[in-house]
């Protein structure tokens, strides 16, 4: 079943897309549909160092991480 979709794109991107579609004897809609159907799900994997940190701040009263990091760096290096 076909549905209508409205997109907001940069004018230059639209022009380039129309030229590409015309050159390839297709439409922007068909190109976009094929692109979306070709997408594969990506499993996001975290670096092991990041995984080790999981839960490290659980129960912490830190509300501003940037300030907490600055405090720790000052304490360590000053």
PDB file of N, CA and C in Angstrom:
ATOM      1  N   UNK A   1       0.847  -1.180   0.000  1.00  0.00           N
ATOM      2  CA  UNK A   1       0.000   0.000   0.000  1.00  0.00           C
ATOM      3  C   UNK A   1       0.891   1.243   0.000  1.00  0.00           C
ATOM      4  N   UNK A   2       0.663   2.123  -0.899  1.00  0.00           N
ATOM      5  CA  UNK A   2       1.433   3.354  -1.016  1.00  0.00           C
ATOM      6  C   UNK A   2       0.882   4.410  -0.052  1.00  0.00           C
ATOM      7  N   UNK A   3       1.776   5.123   0.617  1.00  0.00           N
ATOM      8  CA  UNK A   3       1.424   6.237   1.503  1.00  0.00           C
ATOM      9  C   UNK A   3       2.233   7.442   1.077  1.00  0.00           C
ATOM     10  N   UNK A   4       1.684   8.617   1.314  1.00  0.00           N
ATOM     11  CA  UNK A   4       2.391   9.848   0.973  1.00  0.00           C
ATOM     12  C   UNK A   4       3.256  10.276   2.149  1.00  0.00           C
ATOM     13  N   UNK A   5       4.451  10.778   1.844  1.00  0.00           N
ATOM     14  CA  UNK A   5       5.389  11.248   2.854  1.00  0.00           C
ATOM     15  C   UNK A   5       5.927  12.596   2.417  1.00  0.00           C
ATOM     16  N   UNK A   6       5.924  13.561   3.308  1.00  0.00           N
ATOM     17  CA  UNK A   6       6.463  14.883   3.003  1.00  0.00           C
ATOM     18  C   UNK A   6       7.775  15.044   3.759  1.00  0.00           C
ATOM     19  N   UNK A   7       8.823  15.455   3.048  1.00  0.00           N
ATOM     20  CA  UNK A   7      10.132  15.668   3.651  1.00  0.00           C
ATOM     21  C   UNK A   7      10.557  17.113   3.470  1.00  0.00           C
ATOM     22  N   UNK A   8      11.332  17.606   4.398  1.00  0.00           N
ATOM     23  CA  UNK A   8      11.942  18.933   4.274  1.00  0.00           C
ATOM     24  C   UNK A   8      13.431  18.729   4.048  1.00  0.00           C
ATOM     25  N   UNK A   9      13.900  19.159   2.885  1.00  0.00           N
ATOM     26  CA  UNK A   9      15.310  18.983   2.529  1.00  0.00           C
ATOM     27  C   UNK A   9      15.890  20.286   2.020  1.00  0.00           C
ATOM     28  N   UNK A  10      17.200  20.359   2.079  1.00  0.00           N
ATOM     29  CA  UNK A  10      17.915  21.498   1.526  1.00  0.00           C
ATOM     30  C   UNK A  10      17.648  21.554   0.018  1.00  0.00           C
ATOM     31  N   UNK A  11      17.471  22.748  -0.488  1.00  0.00           N
ATOM     32  CA  UNK A  11      17.143  22.924  -1.910  1.00  0.00           C
ATOM     33  C   UNK A  11      18.199  22.295  -2.821  1.00  0.00           C
ATOM     34  N   UNK A  12      19.462  22.420  -2.448  1.00  0.00           N
ATOM     35  CA  UNK A  12      20.541  21.845  -3.256  1.00  0.00           C
ATOM     36  C   UNK A  12      20.441  20.320  -3.270  1.00  0.00           C
ATOM     37  N   UNK A  13      20.062  19.728  -2.149  1.00  0.00           N
ATOM     38  CA  UNK A  13      19.919  18.266  -2.083  1.00  0.00           C
ATOM     39  C   UNK A  13      18.775  17.802  -2.980  1.00  0.00           C
ATOM     40  N   UNK A  14      17.689  18.566  -2.999  1.00  0.00           N
ATOM     41  CA  UNK A  14      16.547  18.217  -3.845  1.00  0.00           C
ATOM     42  C   UNK A  14      16.956  18.272  -5.315  1.00  0.00           C
ATOM     43  N   UNK A  15      17.633  19.323  -5.692  1.00  0.00           N
ATOM     44  CA  UNK A  15      18.076  19.480  -7.080  1.00  0.00           C
ATOM     45  C   UNK A  15      19.008  18.340  -7.487  1.00  0.00           C
ATOM     46  N   UNK A  16      19.960  18.040  -6.637  1.00  0.00           N
ATOM     47  CA  UNK A  16      20.907  16.966  -6.921  1.00  0.00           C
ATOM     48  C   UNK A  16      20.171  15.626  -7.025  1.00  0.00           C
ATOM     49  N   UNK A  17      19.214  15.394  -6.133  1.00  0.00           N
ATOM     50  CA  UNK A  17      18.437  14.160  -6.164  1.00  0.00           C
ATOM     51  C   UNK A  17      17.619  14.028  -7.432  1.00  0.00           C
ATOM     52  N   UNK A  18      16.992  15.124  -7.854  1.00  0.00           N
ATOM     53  CA  UNK A  18      16.190  15.105  -9.094  1.00  0.00           C
ATOM     54  C   UNK A  18      17.073  14.833 -10.304  1.00  0.00           C
ATOM     55  N   UNK A  19      18.249  15.455 -10.344  1.00  0.00           N
ATOM     56  CA  UNK A  19      19.166  15.234 -11.465  1.00  0.00           C
ATOM     57  C   UNK A  19      19.628  13.774 -11.495  1.00  0.00           C
ATOM     58  N   UNK A  20      19.957  13.248 -10.332  1.00  0.00           N
ATOM     59  CA  UNK A  20      20.410  11.858 -10.241  1.00  0.00           C
ATOM     60  C   UNK A  20      19.294  10.909 -10.670  1.00  0.00           C
ATOM     61  N   UNK A  21      18.083  11.184 -10.198  1.00  0.00           N
ATOM     62  CA  UNK A  21      16.939  10.334 -10.549  1.00  0.00           C
ATOM     63  C   UNK A  21      16.686  10.364 -12.059  1.00  0.00           C
ATOM     64  N   UNK A  22      16.733  11.547 -12.648  1.00  0.00           N
ATOM     65  CA  UNK A  22      16.495  11.673 -14.085  1.00  0.00           C
ATOM     66  C   UNK A  22      17.568  10.917 -14.869  1.00  0.00           C
ATOM     67  N   UNK A  23      18.813  11.067 -14.455  1.00  0.00           N
ATOM     68  CA  UNK A  23      19.923  10.387 -15.118  1.00  0.00           C
ATOM     69  C   UNK A  23      19.756   8.871 -15.055  1.00  0.00           C
ATOM     70  N   UNK A  24      19.173   8.382 -13.952  1.00  0.00           N
ATOM     71  CA  UNK A  24      18.998   6.946 -13.746  1.00  0.00           C
ATOM     72  C   UNK A  24      17.585   6.468 -14.098  1.00  0.00           C
ATOM     73  N   UNK A  25      16.824   7.322 -14.768  1.00  0.00           N
ATOM     74  CA  UNK A  25      15.485   6.977 -15.243  1.00  0.00           C
ATOM     75  C   UNK A  25      14.602   6.418 -14.123  1.00  0.00           C
ATOM     76  N   UNK A  26      14.542   7.156 -13.018  1.00  0.00           N
ATOM     77  CA  UNK A  26      13.719   6.764 -11.876  1.00  0.00           C
ATOM     78  C   UNK A  26      13.155   8.029 -11.234  1.00  0.00           C
ATOM     79  N   UNK A  27      12.519   7.887 -10.101  1.00  0.00           N
ATOM     80  CA  UNK A  27      11.976   9.042  -9.387  1.00  0.00           C
ATOM     81  C   UNK A  27      12.645   9.152  -8.016  1.00  0.00           C
ATOM     82  N   UNK A  28      12.528  10.331  -7.436  1.00  0.00           N
ATOM     83  CA  UNK A  28      13.065  10.507  -6.080  1.00  0.00           C
ATOM     84  C   UNK A  28      12.367   9.559  -5.109  1.00  0.00           C
ATOM     85  N   UNK A  29      11.072   9.418  -5.265  1.00  0.00           N
ATOM     86  CA  UNK A  29      10.319   8.524  -4.378  1.00  0.00           C
ATOM     87  C   UNK A  29      10.833   7.096  -4.457  1.00  0.00           C
ATOM     88  N   UNK A  30      11.055   6.627  -5.683  1.00  0.00           N
ATOM     89  CA  UNK A  30      11.545   5.258  -5.855  1.00  0.00           C
ATOM     90  C   UNK A  30      12.961   5.106  -5.297  1.00  0.00           C
ATOM     91  N   UNK A  31      13.808   6.104  -5.533  1.00  0.00           N
ATOM     92  CA  UNK A  31      15.173   6.057  -4.992  1.00  0.00           C
ATOM     93  C   UNK A  31      15.148   6.014  -3.472  1.00  0.00           C
ATOM     94  N   UNK A  32      14.330   6.862  -2.871  1.00  0.00           N
ATOM     95  CA  UNK A  32      14.263   6.930  -1.410  1.00  0.00           C
ATOM     96  C   UNK A  32      13.698   5.628  -0.842  1.00  0.00           C
ATOM     97  N   UNK A  33      12.678   5.079  -1.494  1.00  0.00           N
ATOM     98  CA  UNK A  33      12.095   3.822  -1.034  1.00  0.00           C
ATOM     99  C   UNK A  33      13.132   2.696  -1.076  1.00  0.00           C
ATOM    100  N   UNK A  34      13.881   2.599  -2.177  1.00  0.00           N
ATOM    101  CA  UNK A  34      14.913   1.555  -2.280  1.00  0.00           C
ATOM    102  C   UNK A  34      15.988   1.745  -1.216  1.00  0.00           C
ATOM    103  N   UNK A  35      16.340   3.010  -0.960  1.00  0.00           N
ATOM    104  CA  UNK A  35      17.334   3.295   0.082  1.00  0.00           C
ATOM    105  C   UNK A  35      16.841   2.806   1.440  1.00  0.00           C
ATOM    106  N   UNK A  36      15.616   3.155   1.797  1.00  0.00           N
ATOM    107  CA  UNK A  36      15.085   2.761   3.102  1.00  0.00           C
ATOM    108  C   UNK A  36      14.972   1.241   3.235  1.00  0.00           C
ATOM    109  N   UNK A  37      14.555   0.591   2.168  1.00  0.00           N
ATOM    110  CA  UNK A  37      14.420  -0.867   2.214  1.00  0.00           C
ATOM    111  C   UNK A  37      15.774  -1.571   2.293  1.00  0.00           C
ATOM    112  N   UNK A  38      16.834  -0.900   1.838  1.00  0.00           N
ATOM    113  CA  UNK A  38      18.169  -1.494   1.876  1.00  0.00           C
ATOM    114  C   UNK A  38      18.858  -1.317   3.228  1.00  0.00           C
ATOM    115  N   UNK A  39      18.323  -0.461   4.096  1.00  0.00           N
ATOM    116  CA  UNK A  39      18.949  -0.224   5.394  1.00  0.00           C
ATOM    117  C   UNK A  39      18.942  -1.498   6.235  1.00  0.00           C
ATOM    118  N   UNK A  40      20.036  -1.730   6.918  1.00  0.00           N
ATOM    119  CA  UNK A  40      20.152  -2.885   7.802  1.00  0.00           C
ATOM    120  C   UNK A  40      20.248  -2.389   9.239  1.00  0.00           C
ATOM    121  N   UNK A  41      19.608  -3.093  10.159  1.00  0.00           N
ATOM    122  CA  UNK A  41      19.722  -2.675  11.560  1.00  0.00           C
ATOM    123  C   UNK A  41      21.178  -2.781  12.029  1.00  0.00           C
ATOM    124  N   UNK A  42      21.580  -1.827  12.832  1.00  0.00           N
ATOM    125  CA  UNK A  42      22.947  -1.806  13.338  1.00  0.00           C
ATOM    126  C   UNK A  42      22.910  -2.087  14.827  1.00  0.00           C
ATOM    127  N   UNK A  43      23.647  -3.106  15.226  1.00  0.00           N
ATOM    128  CA  UNK A  43      23.736  -3.425  16.647  1.00  0.00           C
ATOM    129  C   UNK A  43      24.810  -2.528  17.254  1.00  0.00           C
ATOM    130  N   UNK A  44      24.382  -1.720  18.203  1.00  0.00           N
ATOM    131  CA  UNK A  44      25.318  -0.793  18.832  1.00  0.00           C
ATOM    132  C   UNK A  44      26.107  -1.539  19.898  1.00  0.00           C
ATOM    133  N   UNK A  45      27.405  -1.593  19.709  1.00  0.00           N
ATOM    134  CA  UNK A  45      28.268  -2.264  20.676  1.00  0.00           C
ATOM    135  C   UNK A  45      29.128  -1.233  21.381  1.00  0.00           C
ATOM    136  N   UNK A  46      29.172  -1.333  22.684  1.00  0.00           N
ATOM    137  CA  UNK A  46      29.957  -0.408  23.485  1.00  0.00           C
ATOM    138  C   UNK A  46      31.362  -0.961  23.678  1.00  0.00           C
ATOM    139  N   UNK A  47      32.304  -0.065  23.781  1.00  0.00           N
ATOM    140  CA  UNK A  47      33.691  -0.443  24.056  1.00  0.00           C
ATOM    141  C   UNK A  47      33.750  -1.086  25.442  1.00  0.00           C
ATOM    142  N   UNK A  48      34.582  -2.124  25.628  1.00  0.00           N
ATOM    143  CA  UNK A  48      34.668  -2.792  26.932  1.00  0.00           C
ATOM    144  C   UNK A  48      34.963  -1.852  28.096  1.00  0.00           C
ATOM    145  N   UNK A  49      35.770  -0.816  27.865  1.00  0.00           N
ATOM    146  CA  UNK A  49      36.064   0.142  28.940  1.00  0.00           C
ATOM    147  C   UNK A  49      34.805   0.874  29.381  1.00  0.00           C
ATOM    148  N   UNK A  50      33.934   1.168  28.443  1.00  0.00           N
ATOM    149  CA  UNK A  50      32.678   1.846  28.768  1.00  0.00           C
ATOM    150  C   UNK A  50      31.768   0.891  29.531  1.00  0.00           C
ATOM    151  N   UNK A  51      31.717  -0.356  29.107  1.00  0.00           N
ATOM    152  CA  UNK A  51      30.870  -1.342  29.784  1.00  0.00           C
ATOM    153  C   UNK A  51      31.284  -1.548  31.240  1.00  0.00           C
ATOM    154  N   UNK A  52      32.600  -1.475  31.504  1.00  0.00           N
ATOM    155  CA  UNK A  52      33.072  -1.626  32.890  1.00  0.00           C
ATOM    156  C   UNK A  52      32.573  -0.502  33.787  1.00  0.00           C
ATOM    157  N   UNK A  53      32.290   0.657  33.203  1.00  0.00           N
ATOM    158  CA  UNK A  53      31.831   1.807  33.979  1.00  0.00           C
ATOM    159  C   UNK A  53      30.332   1.751  34.279  1.00  0.00           C
ATOM    160  N   UNK A  54      29.629   0.856  33.608  1.00  0.00           N
ATOM    161  CA  UNK A  54      28.176   0.766  33.772  1.00  0.00           C
ATOM    162  C   UNK A  54      27.824   0.582  35.251  1.00  0.00           C
ATOM    163  N   UNK A  55      27.000   1.467  35.746  1.00  0.00           N
ATOM    164  CA  UNK A  55      26.542   1.400  37.131  1.00  0.00           C
ATOM    165  C   UNK A  55      27.487   2.038  38.133  1.00  0.00           C
ATOM    166  N   UNK A  56      28.599   2.593  37.675  1.00  0.00           N
ATOM    167  CA  UNK A  56      29.592   3.167  38.591  1.00  0.00           C
ATOM    168  C   UNK A  56      29.032   4.342  39.386  1.00  0.00           C
ATOM    169  N   UNK A  57      28.085   5.066  38.832  1.00  0.00           N
ATOM    170  CA  UNK A  57      27.529   6.228  39.535  1.00  0.00           C
ATOM    171  C   UNK A  57      26.186   5.920  40.198  1.00  0.00           C
ATOM    172  N   UNK A  58      25.793   4.665  40.187  1.00  0.00           N
ATOM    173  CA  UNK A  58      24.518   4.297  40.795  1.00  0.00           C
ATOM    174  C   UNK A  58      24.525   4.688  42.274  1.00  0.00           C
ATOM    175  N   UNK A  59      23.502   5.384  42.694  1.00  0.00           N
ATOM    176  CA  UNK A  59      23.406   5.827  44.076  1.00  0.00           C
ATOM    177  C   UNK A  59      24.194   7.093  44.363  1.00  0.00           C
ATOM    178  N   UNK A  60      24.900   7.599  43.397  1.00  0.00           N
ATOM    179  CA  UNK A  60      25.688   8.812  43.569  1.00  0.00           C
ATOM    180  C   UNK A  60      24.768  10.031  43.602  1.00  0.00           C
ATOM    181  N   UNK A  61      25.208  11.050  44.297  1.00  0.00           N
ATOM    182  CA  UNK A  61      24.429  12.283  44.370  1.00  0.00           C
ATOM    183  C   UNK A  61      24.941  13.320  43.378  1.00  0.00           C
ATOM    184  N   UNK A  62      25.707  12.873  42.401  1.00  0.00           N
ATOM    185  CA  UNK A  62      26.248  13.767  41.388  1.00  0.00           C
ATOM    186  C   UNK A  62      25.107  14.222  40.482  1.00  0.00           C
ATOM    187  N   UNK A  63      24.913  15.525  40.417  1.00  0.00           N
ATOM    188  CA  UNK A  63      23.865  16.058  39.552  1.00  0.00           C
ATOM    189  C   UNK A  63      24.465  16.753  38.336  1.00  0.00           C
ATOM    190  N   UNK A  64      25.698  17.219  38.462  1.00  0.00           N
ATOM    191  CA  UNK A  64      26.360  17.881  37.346  1.00  0.00           C
ATOM    192  C   UNK A  64      27.683  17.165  37.100  1.00  0.00           C
ATOM    193  N   UNK A  65      27.697  16.306  36.111  1.00  0.00           N
ATOM    194  CA  UNK A  65      28.863  15.478  35.844  1.00  0.00           C
ATOM    195  C   UNK A  65      30.075  16.330  35.485  1.00  0.00           C
ATOM    196  N   UNK A  66      29.870  17.394  34.704  1.00  0.00           N
ATOM    197  CA  UNK A  66      30.986  18.249  34.296  1.00  0.00           C
ATOM    198  C   UNK A  66      31.674  18.848  35.520  1.00  0.00           C
ATOM    199  N   UNK A  67      30.895  19.349  36.449  1.00  0.00           N
ATOM    200  CA  UNK A  67      31.479  19.929  37.661  1.00  0.00           C
ATOM    201  C   UNK A  67      32.197  18.869  38.486  1.00  0.00           C
ATOM    202  N   UNK A  68      31.630  17.683  38.563  1.00  0.00           N
ATOM    203  CA  UNK A  68      32.252  16.607  39.326  1.00  0.00           C
ATOM    204  C   UNK A  68      33.599  16.220  38.713  1.00  0.00           C
ATOM    205  N   UNK A  69      33.669  16.146  37.412  1.00  0.00           N
ATOM    206  CA  UNK A  69      34.926  15.811  36.730  1.00  0.00           C
ATOM    207  C   UNK A  69      35.955  16.904  36.965  1.00  0.00           C
ATOM    208  N   UNK A  70      35.530  18.169  36.837  1.00  0.00           N
ATOM    209  CA  UNK A  70      36.446  19.288  37.076  1.00  0.00           C
ATOM    210  C   UNK A  70      36.997  19.247  38.500  1.00  0.00           C
ATOM    211  N   UNK A  71      36.135  18.962  39.462  1.00  0.00           N
ATOM    212  CA  UNK A  71      36.555  18.872  40.867  1.00  0.00           C
ATOM    213  C   UNK A  71      37.610  17.784  41.050  1.00  0.00           C
ATOM    214  N   UNK A  72      37.357  16.615  40.449  1.00  0.00           N
ATOM    215  CA  UNK A  72      38.291  15.503  40.592  1.00  0.00           C
ATOM    216  C   UNK A  72      39.629  15.805  39.924  1.00  0.00           C
ATOM    217  N   UNK A  73      39.587  16.454  38.752  1.00  0.00           N
ATOM    218  CA  UNK A  73      40.838  16.776  38.067  1.00  0.00           C
ATOM    219  C   UNK A  73      41.628  17.822  38.846  1.00  0.00           C
ATOM    220  N   UNK A  74      40.966  18.811  39.406  1.00  0.00           N
ATOM    221  CA  UNK A  74      41.651  19.816  40.219  1.00  0.00           C
ATOM    222  C   UNK A  74      42.285  19.154  41.452  1.00  0.00           C
ATOM    223  N   UNK A  75      41.526  18.265  42.066  1.00  0.00           N
ATOM    224  CA  UNK A  75      41.999  17.559  43.263  1.00  0.00           C
ATOM    225  C   UNK A  75      43.235  16.722  42.927  1.00  0.00           C
ATOM    226  N   UNK A  76      43.224  16.097  41.751  1.00  0.00           N
ATOM    227  CA  UNK A  76      44.318  15.214  41.358  1.00  0.00           C
ATOM    228  C   UNK A  76      45.557  15.986  40.912  1.00  0.00           C
ATOM    229  N   UNK A  77      45.356  17.076  40.164  1.00  0.00           N
ATOM    230  CA  UNK A  77      46.502  17.754  39.555  1.00  0.00           C
ATOM    231  C   UNK A  77      46.899  19.072  40.190  1.00  0.00           C
ATOM    232  N   UNK A  78      46.109  19.615  41.074  1.00  0.00           N
ATOM    233  CA  UNK A  78      46.486  20.902  41.701  1.00  0.00           C
ATOM    234  C   UNK A  78      46.876  20.748  43.147  1.00  0.00           C
TER     235      UNK A  78
END
